[in-house]
Amino acid sequence: MDGKFSAIVLAGGRSARMGRPKATLSFGAETVVERIVGELARSFDQIVIVAAPAEAESLPPSIHEKALVLHDETAYPGPLDALRRGLEAAAHDAVFACSCDLPMLDVELARGLCAMLDGYDAAIPKAGGKLQPLCAAYHRRCAAALARLASAGVMRVREIAGLVNAHIVEEAELRRFDPELRSFLNLNTPEEYRKALRLAGLARD
């Protein structure tokens, strides 16, 4: 690894349980996706966003100034294909990838995971007893493995862990970078959104 890393943010999901696009939820003075991109931009040389089709995009204009935006050709193709496309567009071998609903992501955790790739194809955290493939690091060659999964009809990103040489990163190692593991707090529901606002000291109530 040369110390230069790319990052991918997946922002083309359905947000069915939230009821509105998670990427553009307000988080203080910015949106969630602006907060994530701003955090990653502190230490990453390239940021790629894989977003909804252009005609459906609702990303803030400022995002286009900081990131390469790729558009899905069809709506909601799933994270596996979006991750593959992001890896194919990555300029560097080591790539951090995350979903667009992690407003408390810590860039030190993201860089730490990329540094763990030495000798591995992927560094996938295990937090809360579950693999977290959408807050993980991948060598860009994993794009080929993701394509094989898709061709076999497999759509769950976590299946990549069994197909490549993956380092499963346990909580004790993760806490070196993010002691409270707040980087993994995602926003699937309005309740989780309110919880994140409270933890960040941004709740209006």
Protein backbone atom coordinates (compact mmCIF):
# COMPACT_ATOMS: atom_id res chain seq x y z
CA MET A 1 0.00 0.00 0.00
CA ASP A 2 1.31 3.47 -0.87
CA GLY A 3 -0.55 5.33 1.88
CA LYS A 4 -3.01 6.85 -0.56
CA PHE A 5 -6.58 5.68 -0.19
CA SER A 6 -9.87 6.02 -2.05
CA ALA A 7 -13.29 6.08 -0.43
CA ILE A 8 -16.71 5.05 -1.73
CA VAL A 9 -20.04 6.27 -0.37
CA LEU A 10 -23.11 4.33 -1.52
CA ALA A 11 -26.07 6.70 -1.82
CA GLY A 12 -28.55 5.02 -4.12
CA GLY A 13 -30.65 3.02 -1.65
CA ARG A 14 -34.41 2.91 -1.32
CA SER A 15 -34.62 4.28 2.28
CA ALA A 16 -37.91 2.46 2.66
CA ARG A 17 -37.95 2.31 6.48
CA MET A 18 -36.86 5.93 6.83
CA GLY A 19 -39.50 7.14 4.39
CA ARG A 20 -37.19 9.72 2.75
CA PRO A 21 -33.65 9.72 1.34
CA LYS A 22 -31.20 9.14 4.18
CA ALA A 23 -28.30 10.88 2.45
CA THR A 24 -30.06 14.24 2.57
CA LEU A 25 -31.34 14.13 6.14
CA SER A 26 -30.26 17.20 8.09
CA PHE A 27 -27.43 16.70 10.55
CA GLY A 28 -26.69 20.02 12.14
CA ALA A 29 -25.86 22.62 9.50
CA GLU A 30 -25.30 20.02 6.78
CA THR A 31 -26.81 16.86 5.39
CA VAL A 32 -25.72 13.38 6.43
CA VAL A 33 -23.91 12.77 3.14
CA GLU A 34 -22.14 16.15 3.39
CA ARG A 35 -21.01 15.25 6.89
CA ILE A 36 -19.64 11.87 5.73
CA VAL A 37 -17.87 13.31 2.68
CA GLY A 38 -16.42 16.14 4.73
CA GLU A 39 -15.05 13.69 7.28
CA LEU A 40 -13.53 11.43 4.64
CA ALA A 41 -12.07 14.36 2.72
CA ARG A 42 -9.81 15.08 5.70
CA SER A 43 -7.64 12.05 4.91
CA PHE A 44 -8.69 10.40 1.65
CA ASP A 45 -7.24 11.33 -1.74
CA GLN A 46 -10.33 10.37 -3.73
CA ILE A 47 -14.01 10.07 -2.88
CA VAL A 48 -16.46 8.27 -5.17
CA ILE A 49 -20.21 8.45 -4.61
CA VAL A 50 -22.47 5.91 -6.27
CA ALA A 51 -25.85 7.62 -6.38
CA ALA A 52 -29.33 7.13 -7.75
CA PRO A 53 -29.99 7.72 -11.47
CA ALA A 54 -29.29 11.31 -12.50
CA GLU A 55 -32.94 12.15 -12.98
CA ALA A 56 -33.70 11.08 -9.41
CA GLU A 57 -30.63 12.56 -7.71
CA SER A 58 -31.13 14.77 -4.69
CA LEU A 59 -27.52 15.17 -3.57
CA PRO A 60 -26.48 18.65 -2.40
CA PRO A 61 -24.59 20.60 -5.13
CA SER A 62 -21.50 20.87 -2.91
CA ILE A 63 -21.00 17.10 -3.13
CA HIS A 64 -20.07 17.35 -6.81
CA GLU A 65 -17.19 19.66 -5.90
CA LYS A 66 -15.63 17.13 -3.53
CA ALA A 67 -16.42 13.77 -5.08
CA LEU A 68 -16.69 11.83 -8.31
CA VAL A 69 -20.39 10.99 -8.63
CA LEU A 70 -21.42 7.86 -10.50
CA HIS A 71 -25.08 7.29 -11.25
CA ASP A 72 -26.92 3.98 -11.14
CA GLU A 73 -28.41 3.14 -14.53
CA THR A 74 -31.57 1.83 -12.89
CA ALA A 75 -33.15 2.67 -9.55
CA TYR A 76 -32.20 0.60 -6.49
CA PRO A 77 -29.88 -2.02 -8.04
CA GLY A 78 -28.58 -2.91 -4.59
CA PRO A 79 -25.34 -2.23 -2.72
CA LEU A 80 -23.39 -5.15 -4.20
CA ASP A 81 -23.42 -3.76 -7.73
CA ALA A 82 -22.89 -0.21 -6.47
CA LEU A 83 -19.83 -1.30 -4.50
CA ARG A 84 -18.44 -3.10 -7.56
CA ARG A 85 -18.81 0.02 -9.68
CA GLY A 86 -17.21 2.15 -7.02
CA LEU A 87 -14.22 -0.18 -6.74
CA GLU A 88 -13.78 -0.15 -10.50
CA ALA A 89 -13.61 3.65 -10.39
CA ALA A 90 -11.16 3.77 -7.48
CA ALA A 91 -7.81 5.39 -8.18
CA HIS A 92 -5.99 3.55 -5.39
CA ASP A 93 -5.70 -0.10 -4.36
CA ALA A 94 -6.94 0.46 -0.79
CA VAL A 95 -10.54 1.59 -0.68
CA PHE A 96 -12.84 2.35 2.24
CA ALA A 97 -16.52 1.83 1.46
CA CYS A 98 -19.56 2.84 3.45
CA SER A 99 -23.26 3.47 3.17
CA CYS A 100 -24.59 7.02 3.20
CA ASP A 101 -26.32 6.69 6.59
CA LEU A 102 -23.36 6.72 8.98
CA PRO A 103 -23.34 10.33 10.23
CA MET A 104 -20.91 9.62 13.08
CA LEU A 105 -18.28 7.95 10.92
CA ASP A 106 -14.74 8.59 12.19
CA VAL A 107 -12.11 9.04 9.49
CA GLU A 108 -9.48 7.48 11.76
CA LEU A 109 -11.45 4.23 11.74
CA ALA A 110 -11.78 4.40 7.96
CA ARG A 111 -8.04 4.90 7.47
CA GLY A 112 -7.25 2.27 10.09
CA LEU A 113 -9.27 -0.31 8.17
CA CYS A 114 -7.47 0.57 4.93
CA ALA A 115 -4.12 0.12 6.66
CA MET A 116 -5.21 -3.38 7.71
CA LEU A 117 -5.48 -4.48 4.08
CA ASP A 118 -1.78 -5.29 3.85
CA GLY A 119 -1.82 -8.93 2.74
CA TYR A 120 -5.63 -9.12 2.64
CA ASP A 121 -8.34 -8.48 0.08
CA ALA A 122 -10.72 -6.98 2.63
CA ALA A 123 -10.84 -5.74 6.22
CA ILE A 124 -14.42 -6.19 7.40
CA PRO A 125 -15.46 -5.09 10.90
CA LYS A 126 -17.59 -7.24 13.14
CA ALA A 127 -19.55 -4.99 15.49
CA GLY A 128 -22.60 -5.81 17.55
CA GLY A 129 -22.07 -9.44 16.60
CA LYS A 130 -22.59 -8.74 12.89
CA LEU A 131 -20.30 -8.23 9.92
CA GLN A 132 -20.32 -4.63 8.69
CA PRO A 133 -19.45 -4.88 4.98
CA LEU A 134 -20.75 -1.36 4.32
CA CYS A 135 -18.26 0.21 6.69
CA ALA A 136 -15.21 -1.74 5.58
CA ALA A 137 -12.05 -1.61 3.49
CA TYR A 138 -11.45 -3.47 0.24
CA HIS A 139 -8.65 -3.89 -2.26
CA ARG A 140 -10.03 -2.69 -5.55
CA ARG A 141 -9.47 -6.14 -7.06
CA CYS A 142 -12.52 -7.24 -5.03
CA ALA A 143 -14.63 -5.80 -7.86
CA ALA A 144 -14.12 -9.07 -9.75
CA ALA A 145 -15.33 -11.13 -6.78
CA LEU A 146 -18.41 -8.93 -6.45
CA ALA A 147 -19.15 -9.45 -10.14
CA ARG A 148 -18.94 -13.22 -9.62
CA LEU A 149 -21.38 -13.01 -6.73
CA ALA A 150 -23.82 -11.00 -8.82
CA SER A 151 -23.60 -13.44 -11.73
CA ALA A 152 -24.41 -16.25 -9.30
CA GLY A 153 -27.51 -14.39 -8.14
CA VAL A 154 -26.05 -13.48 -4.74
CA MET A 155 -27.03 -9.95 -3.70
CA ARG A 156 -25.84 -9.72 -0.08
CA VAL A 157 -22.58 -7.83 0.20
CA ARG A 158 -21.53 -9.73 3.33
CA GLU A 159 -21.07 -12.87 1.21
CA ILE A 160 -17.84 -11.30 -0.08
CA ALA A 161 -16.23 -12.29 3.24
CA GLY A 162 -16.31 -15.95 2.24
CA LEU A 163 -15.05 -15.41 -1.28
CA VAL A 164 -11.90 -13.36 -0.71
CA ASN A 165 -9.03 -13.33 1.78
CA ALA A 166 -10.79 -11.23 4.41
CA HIS A 167 -9.51 -9.99 7.74
CA ILE A 168 -12.47 -9.91 10.14
CA VAL A 169 -11.80 -7.02 12.51
CA GLU A 170 -13.15 -7.64 16.01
CA GLU A 171 -14.50 -4.94 18.32
CA ALA A 172 -11.40 -4.71 20.51
CA GLU A 173 -9.35 -3.73 17.47
CA LEU A 174 -12.02 -1.34 16.21
CA ARG A 175 -12.18 0.47 19.55
CA ARG A 176 -8.56 1.56 19.12
CA PHE A 177 -9.90 4.01 16.54
CA ASP A 178 -13.50 4.54 17.66
CA PRO A 179 -13.88 3.71 21.39
CA GLU A 180 -17.69 3.87 21.37
CA LEU A 181 -18.09 2.37 17.87
CA ARG A 182 -20.28 5.28 16.84
CA SER A 183 -19.07 4.91 13.26
CA PHE A 184 -21.44 1.95 12.93
CA LEU A 185 -24.57 3.79 14.05
CA ASN A 186 -26.69 3.80 10.92
CA LEU A 187 -29.99 5.49 10.19
CA ASN A 188 -32.52 2.93 9.04
CA THR A 189 -35.52 4.35 10.89
CA PRO A 190 -36.72 7.72 12.23
CA GLU A 191 -35.97 6.44 15.75
CA GLU A 192 -32.34 5.74 14.85
CA TYR A 193 -32.11 9.18 13.25
CA ARG A 194 -33.34 10.82 16.46
CA LYS A 195 -30.88 8.74 18.50
CA ALA A 196 -27.96 9.90 16.35
CA LEU A 197 -29.02 13.53 16.70
CA ARG A 198 -29.13 13.15 20.48
CA LEU A 199 -25.70 11.51 20.62
CA ALA A 200 -24.26 14.29 18.48
CA GLY A 201 -25.88 16.95 20.65
CA LEU A 202 -28.05 18.10 17.75
CA ALA A 203 -31.51 17.07 18.96
CA ARG A 204 -33.94 19.96 18.99
CA ASP A 205 -35.80 18.57 22.00
